[in-house]
């Protein structure tokens, strides 16, 4: 479905498509971005369209597993009504962003 959406001019349909579907189905479709989500799962940004569908097929079960393993913590976070924590998948996305920011900060070396 993501590959068939005609959203924006972005080369990466997985990014624009997942974010659009996330707004329609927030607890089902996780928002995916280059800087955090793709680097978290694959260690790099996916560039070509041919790898997007296999990438999504690998990531989606991971989101589901994280959700199942952490549902009590996620629900606790949702109950706090934090501005950026609007759904199960968004709480996971925010955790990935936080992890990646912390990880990149601890691994950066001064020039």
N, C-alpha and C. Protein backbone atom coordinates (compact mmCIF):
# COMPACT_ATOMS: atom_id res chain seq x y z
N UNK A 1 0.82 -1.18 0.00
CA UNK A 1 0.00 0.00 0.00
C UNK A 1 0.87 1.26 0.00
N UNK A 2 1.93 1.25 0.80
CA UNK A 2 2.81 2.41 0.88
C UNK A 2 3.43 2.72 -0.47
N UNK A 3 3.84 1.70 -1.18
CA UNK A 3 4.49 1.89 -2.48
C UNK A 3 3.55 2.50 -3.51
N UNK A 4 2.26 2.28 -3.34
CA UNK A 4 1.29 2.78 -4.32
C UNK A 4 0.79 4.19 -4.03
N UNK A 5 1.07 4.70 -2.85
CA UNK A 5 0.63 6.06 -2.52
C UNK A 5 1.39 7.09 -3.36
N UNK A 6 0.71 8.08 -3.82
CA UNK A 6 1.33 9.16 -4.59
C UNK A 6 1.38 10.40 -3.70
N UNK A 7 2.38 10.44 -2.84
CA UNK A 7 2.51 11.52 -1.87
C UNK A 7 3.85 12.20 -2.06
N UNK A 8 3.83 13.50 -2.31
CA UNK A 8 5.05 14.28 -2.40
C UNK A 8 5.95 13.86 -3.53
N UNK A 9 7.13 14.46 -3.51
CA UNK A 9 8.13 14.18 -4.53
C UNK A 9 9.30 13.36 -3.98
N UNK A 10 9.15 12.89 -2.77
CA UNK A 10 10.24 12.17 -2.12
C UNK A 10 10.58 10.89 -2.87
N UNK A 11 11.87 10.63 -2.97
CA UNK A 11 12.32 9.37 -3.58
C UNK A 11 11.96 8.19 -2.70
N UNK A 12 11.95 8.42 -1.43
CA UNK A 12 11.69 7.35 -0.48
C UNK A 12 10.21 7.29 -0.14
N UNK A 13 9.50 6.40 -0.78
CA UNK A 13 8.06 6.26 -0.55
C UNK A 13 7.79 5.73 0.85
N UNK A 14 8.72 4.96 1.39
CA UNK A 14 8.52 4.39 2.72
C UNK A 14 8.38 5.49 3.77
N UNK A 15 9.09 6.59 3.60
CA UNK A 15 9.03 7.69 4.56
C UNK A 15 7.71 8.44 4.43
N UNK A 16 7.42 8.97 3.27
CA UNK A 16 6.19 9.74 3.07
C UNK A 16 4.95 8.87 3.26
N UNK A 17 4.97 7.67 2.73
CA UNK A 17 3.82 6.78 2.81
C UNK A 17 3.52 6.32 4.21
N UNK A 18 4.56 5.95 4.96
CA UNK A 18 4.33 5.48 6.33
C UNK A 18 3.82 6.61 7.21
N UNK A 19 4.32 7.82 7.00
CA UNK A 19 3.85 8.95 7.80
C UNK A 19 2.40 9.29 7.47
N UNK A 20 2.03 9.23 6.21
CA UNK A 20 0.64 9.50 5.82
C UNK A 20 -0.29 8.44 6.40
N UNK A 21 0.08 7.18 6.26
CA UNK A 21 -0.77 6.10 6.80
C UNK A 21 -0.80 6.12 8.33
N UNK A 22 0.29 6.56 8.93
CA UNK A 22 0.32 6.68 10.39
C UNK A 22 -0.77 7.64 10.88
N UNK A 23 -0.99 8.72 10.14
CA UNK A 23 -2.03 9.68 10.53
C UNK A 23 -3.43 9.06 10.42
N UNK A 24 -3.61 8.15 9.49
CA UNK A 24 -4.91 7.50 9.32
C UNK A 24 -5.09 6.30 10.26
N UNK A 25 -4.01 5.56 10.47
CA UNK A 25 -4.04 4.34 11.29
C UNK A 25 -2.89 4.39 12.31
N UNK A 26 -2.97 5.29 13.28
CA UNK A 26 -1.82 5.54 14.15
C UNK A 26 -1.34 4.37 14.99
N UNK A 27 -2.24 3.48 15.41
CA UNK A 27 -1.79 2.34 16.21
C UNK A 27 -1.39 1.14 15.36
N UNK A 28 -1.53 1.25 14.06
CA UNK A 28 -1.22 0.14 13.16
C UNK A 28 0.03 0.39 12.33
N UNK A 29 0.19 1.61 11.82
CA UNK A 29 1.31 1.91 10.92
C UNK A 29 2.28 2.86 11.61
N UNK A 30 3.51 2.40 11.83
CA UNK A 30 4.51 3.27 12.46
C UNK A 30 5.05 4.30 11.47
N UNK A 31 5.32 5.52 11.97
CA UNK A 31 5.98 6.49 11.10
C UNK A 31 7.45 6.10 10.94
N UNK A 32 7.95 6.19 9.73
CA UNK A 32 9.34 5.81 9.46
C UNK A 32 10.06 7.02 8.88
N UNK A 33 11.25 7.28 9.39
CA UNK A 33 12.06 8.35 8.81
C UNK A 33 13.47 7.85 8.54
N UNK A 34 14.21 8.68 7.81
CA UNK A 34 15.57 8.30 7.43
C UNK A 34 16.54 8.37 8.59
N UNK A 35 16.54 9.51 9.26
CA UNK A 35 17.59 9.81 10.23
C UNK A 35 17.58 8.88 11.44
N UNK A 36 16.41 8.39 11.82
CA UNK A 36 16.35 7.60 13.03
C UNK A 36 15.89 6.16 12.79
N UNK A 37 14.70 5.98 12.23
CA UNK A 37 14.13 4.65 12.10
C UNK A 37 14.98 3.73 11.23
N UNK A 38 15.29 4.19 10.02
CA UNK A 38 16.06 3.34 9.11
C UNK A 38 17.47 3.09 9.64
N UNK A 39 18.08 4.11 10.23
CA UNK A 39 19.41 3.91 10.80
C UNK A 39 19.36 2.99 12.01
N UNK A 40 18.30 3.06 12.80
CA UNK A 40 18.16 2.19 13.97
C UNK A 40 18.10 0.73 13.55
N UNK A 41 17.27 0.44 12.56
CA UNK A 41 17.08 -0.95 12.15
C UNK A 41 18.18 -1.47 11.23
N UNK A 42 18.74 -0.61 10.38
CA UNK A 42 19.66 -1.09 9.35
C UNK A 42 21.05 -0.46 9.41
N UNK A 43 21.24 0.53 10.26
CA UNK A 43 22.54 1.17 10.37
C UNK A 43 22.84 2.13 9.23
N UNK A 44 21.86 2.36 8.38
CA UNK A 44 22.05 3.25 7.25
C UNK A 44 20.69 3.70 6.72
N UNK A 45 20.74 4.69 5.88
CA UNK A 45 19.54 5.16 5.21
C UNK A 45 19.36 4.34 3.94
N UNK A 46 18.15 3.86 3.71
CA UNK A 46 17.87 3.10 2.50
C UNK A 46 17.64 4.09 1.36
N UNK A 47 18.33 3.88 0.26
CA UNK A 47 18.30 4.85 -0.83
C UNK A 47 17.38 4.45 -1.96
N UNK A 48 17.38 3.20 -2.34
CA UNK A 48 16.61 2.84 -3.53
C UNK A 48 15.26 2.23 -3.18
N UNK A 49 14.33 2.41 -4.10
CA UNK A 49 12.97 1.94 -3.92
C UNK A 49 12.84 0.43 -3.85
N UNK A 50 13.80 -0.27 -4.41
CA UNK A 50 13.72 -1.73 -4.42
C UNK A 50 13.91 -2.34 -3.04
N UNK A 51 14.58 -1.64 -2.14
CA UNK A 51 14.82 -2.18 -0.80
C UNK A 51 13.79 -1.72 0.22
N UNK A 52 12.89 -0.82 -0.19
CA UNK A 52 11.92 -0.29 0.77
C UNK A 52 10.91 -1.33 1.24
N UNK A 53 10.34 -2.09 0.34
CA UNK A 53 9.34 -3.08 0.75
C UNK A 53 9.95 -4.16 1.63
N UNK A 54 11.09 -4.73 1.25
CA UNK A 54 11.71 -5.72 2.15
C UNK A 54 12.08 -5.10 3.51
N UNK A 55 12.49 -3.85 3.50
CA UNK A 55 12.83 -3.18 4.76
C UNK A 55 11.61 -3.06 5.65
N UNK A 56 10.49 -2.65 5.06
CA UNK A 56 9.26 -2.52 5.84
C UNK A 56 8.83 -3.88 6.38
N UNK A 57 8.97 -4.91 5.56
CA UNK A 57 8.58 -6.26 5.99
C UNK A 57 9.45 -6.75 7.15
N UNK A 58 10.68 -6.26 7.25
CA UNK A 58 11.55 -6.61 8.37
C UNK A 58 11.23 -5.76 9.61
N UNK A 59 10.96 -4.47 9.40
CA UNK A 59 10.73 -3.57 10.53
C UNK A 59 9.38 -3.78 11.20
N UNK A 60 8.34 -4.02 10.42
CA UNK A 60 6.99 -4.07 10.98
C UNK A 60 6.85 -5.12 12.09
N UNK A 61 7.33 -6.35 11.89
CA UNK A 61 7.24 -7.32 13.00
C UNK A 61 8.05 -6.89 14.23
N UNK A 62 9.11 -6.15 14.01
CA UNK A 62 9.90 -5.64 15.15
C UNK A 62 9.10 -4.63 15.94
N UNK A 63 8.39 -3.74 15.24
CA UNK A 63 7.51 -2.79 15.93
C UNK A 63 6.46 -3.55 16.74
N UNK A 64 5.91 -4.58 16.15
CA UNK A 64 4.89 -5.38 16.82
C UNK A 64 5.47 -6.07 18.05
N UNK A 65 6.67 -6.60 17.94
CA UNK A 65 7.30 -7.27 19.07
C UNK A 65 7.63 -6.28 20.18
N UNK A 66 8.15 -5.11 19.81
CA UNK A 66 8.43 -4.08 20.81
C UNK A 66 7.14 -3.69 21.52
N UNK A 67 6.08 -3.53 20.76
CA UNK A 67 4.79 -3.17 21.32
C UNK A 67 4.32 -4.24 22.32
N UNK A 68 4.41 -5.48 21.93
CA UNK A 68 3.96 -6.57 22.80
C UNK A 68 4.81 -6.65 24.07
N UNK A 69 6.10 -6.49 23.93
CA UNK A 69 6.99 -6.59 25.08
C UNK A 69 6.88 -5.41 26.04
N UNK A 70 6.55 -4.25 25.50
CA UNK A 70 6.58 -3.01 26.30
C UNK A 70 5.21 -2.37 26.47
N UNK A 71 4.14 -3.12 26.23
CA UNK A 71 2.80 -2.52 26.22
C UNK A 71 2.45 -1.82 27.53
N UNK A 72 2.88 -2.36 28.66
CA UNK A 72 2.55 -1.72 29.94
C UNK A 72 3.25 -0.36 30.06
N UNK A 73 4.51 -0.30 29.65
CA UNK A 73 5.24 0.97 29.68
C UNK A 73 4.68 1.95 28.66
N UNK A 74 4.30 1.43 27.51
CA UNK A 74 3.71 2.29 26.47
C UNK A 74 2.38 2.87 26.96
N UNK A 75 1.54 2.03 27.53
CA UNK A 75 0.25 2.52 28.04
C UNK A 75 0.43 3.54 29.16
N UNK A 76 1.44 3.32 29.98
CA UNK A 76 1.74 4.28 31.05
C UNK A 76 2.14 5.63 30.44
N UNK A 77 2.94 5.56 29.41
CA UNK A 77 3.37 6.79 28.73
C UNK A 77 2.18 7.49 28.07
N UNK A 78 1.31 6.72 27.42
CA UNK A 78 0.12 7.30 26.78
C UNK A 78 -0.81 7.93 27.82
N UNK A 79 -0.89 7.35 29.00
CA UNK A 79 -1.75 7.89 30.05
C UNK A 79 -1.25 9.24 30.56
N UNK A 80 0.04 9.51 30.37
CA UNK A 80 0.61 10.79 30.79
C UNK A 80 0.24 11.92 29.83
N UNK A 81 -0.29 11.54 28.68
CA UNK A 81 -0.74 12.50 27.66
C UNK A 81 0.35 13.49 27.25
N UNK A 82 1.55 12.96 27.04
CA UNK A 82 2.64 13.79 26.54
C UNK A 82 2.32 14.22 25.11
N UNK A 83 2.70 15.41 24.76
CA UNK A 83 2.34 16.00 23.46
C UNK A 83 2.76 15.13 22.27
N UNK A 84 3.92 14.53 22.34
CA UNK A 84 4.44 13.78 21.20
C UNK A 84 4.07 12.29 21.23
N UNK A 85 3.56 11.82 22.35
CA UNK A 85 3.19 10.41 22.48
C UNK A 85 1.70 10.26 22.23
N UNK A 86 1.33 10.11 20.97
CA UNK A 86 -0.06 10.14 20.57
C UNK A 86 -0.65 8.76 20.25
N UNK A 87 0.20 7.75 20.11
CA UNK A 87 -0.26 6.40 19.78
C UNK A 87 0.83 5.41 20.17
N UNK A 88 0.48 4.15 20.14
CA UNK A 88 1.45 3.10 20.45
C UNK A 88 2.68 3.20 19.55
N UNK A 89 2.45 3.31 18.26
CA UNK A 89 3.59 3.34 17.32
C UNK A 89 4.40 4.62 17.47
N UNK A 90 3.76 5.72 17.85
CA UNK A 90 4.48 6.98 18.02
C UNK A 90 5.34 6.94 19.28
N UNK A 91 4.87 6.27 20.34
CA UNK A 91 5.69 6.11 21.54
C UNK A 91 6.95 5.31 21.19
N UNK A 92 6.80 4.26 20.41
CA UNK A 92 7.96 3.46 19.99
C UNK A 92 8.88 4.30 19.12
N UNK A 93 8.30 5.05 18.19
CA UNK A 93 9.10 5.93 17.33
C UNK A 93 9.88 6.94 18.17
N UNK A 94 9.23 7.54 19.15
CA UNK A 94 9.92 8.52 20.01
C UNK A 94 11.04 7.86 20.81
N UNK A 95 10.84 6.62 21.23
CA UNK A 95 11.89 5.91 21.95
C UNK A 95 13.08 5.65 21.02
N UNK A 96 12.81 5.30 19.78
CA UNK A 96 13.89 5.08 18.81
C UNK A 96 14.66 6.38 18.58
N UNK A 97 13.94 7.48 18.41
CA UNK A 97 14.59 8.79 18.21
C UNK A 97 15.47 9.11 19.42
N UNK A 98 14.94 8.93 20.63
CA UNK A 98 15.73 9.20 21.83
C UNK A 98 16.96 8.33 21.92
N UNK A 99 16.79 7.06 21.62
CA UNK A 99 17.93 6.14 21.64
C UNK A 99 18.99 6.55 20.63
N UNK A 100 18.55 6.86 19.41
CA UNK A 100 19.51 7.21 18.36
C UNK A 100 20.22 8.52 18.67
N UNK A 101 19.50 9.48 19.22
CA UNK A 101 20.14 10.75 19.60
C UNK A 101 21.17 10.51 20.70
N UNK A 102 20.82 9.74 21.70
CA UNK A 102 21.75 9.45 22.80
C UNK A 102 22.94 8.65 22.30
N UNK A 103 22.66 7.68 21.44
CA UNK A 103 23.72 6.82 20.92
C UNK A 103 24.69 7.62 20.06
N UNK A 104 24.18 8.48 19.20
CA UNK A 104 25.07 9.27 18.33
C UNK A 104 25.85 10.29 19.15
N UNK A 105 25.26 10.80 20.24
CA UNK A 105 25.96 11.77 21.08
C UNK A 105 27.11 11.12 21.84
N UNK A 106 26.92 9.87 22.27
CA UNK A 106 27.96 9.20 23.03
C UNK A 106 29.07 8.66 22.12
N UNK A 107 28.77 8.48 20.85
CA UNK A 107 29.77 7.95 19.93
C UNK A 107 30.44 9.01 19.07
N UNK A 108 30.05 10.28 19.25
CA UNK A 108 30.67 11.32 18.43
C UNK A 108 32.03 11.68 19.02
N UNK A 109 32.95 11.97 18.15
CA UNK A 109 34.30 12.33 18.59
C UNK A 109 34.60 13.75 18.19
N UNK A 110 35.26 14.52 19.05
CA UNK A 110 35.57 15.91 18.68
C UNK A 110 36.57 15.96 17.54
N UNK A 111 36.42 16.96 16.71
CA UNK A 111 37.34 17.09 15.57
C UNK A 111 38.52 17.93 15.91
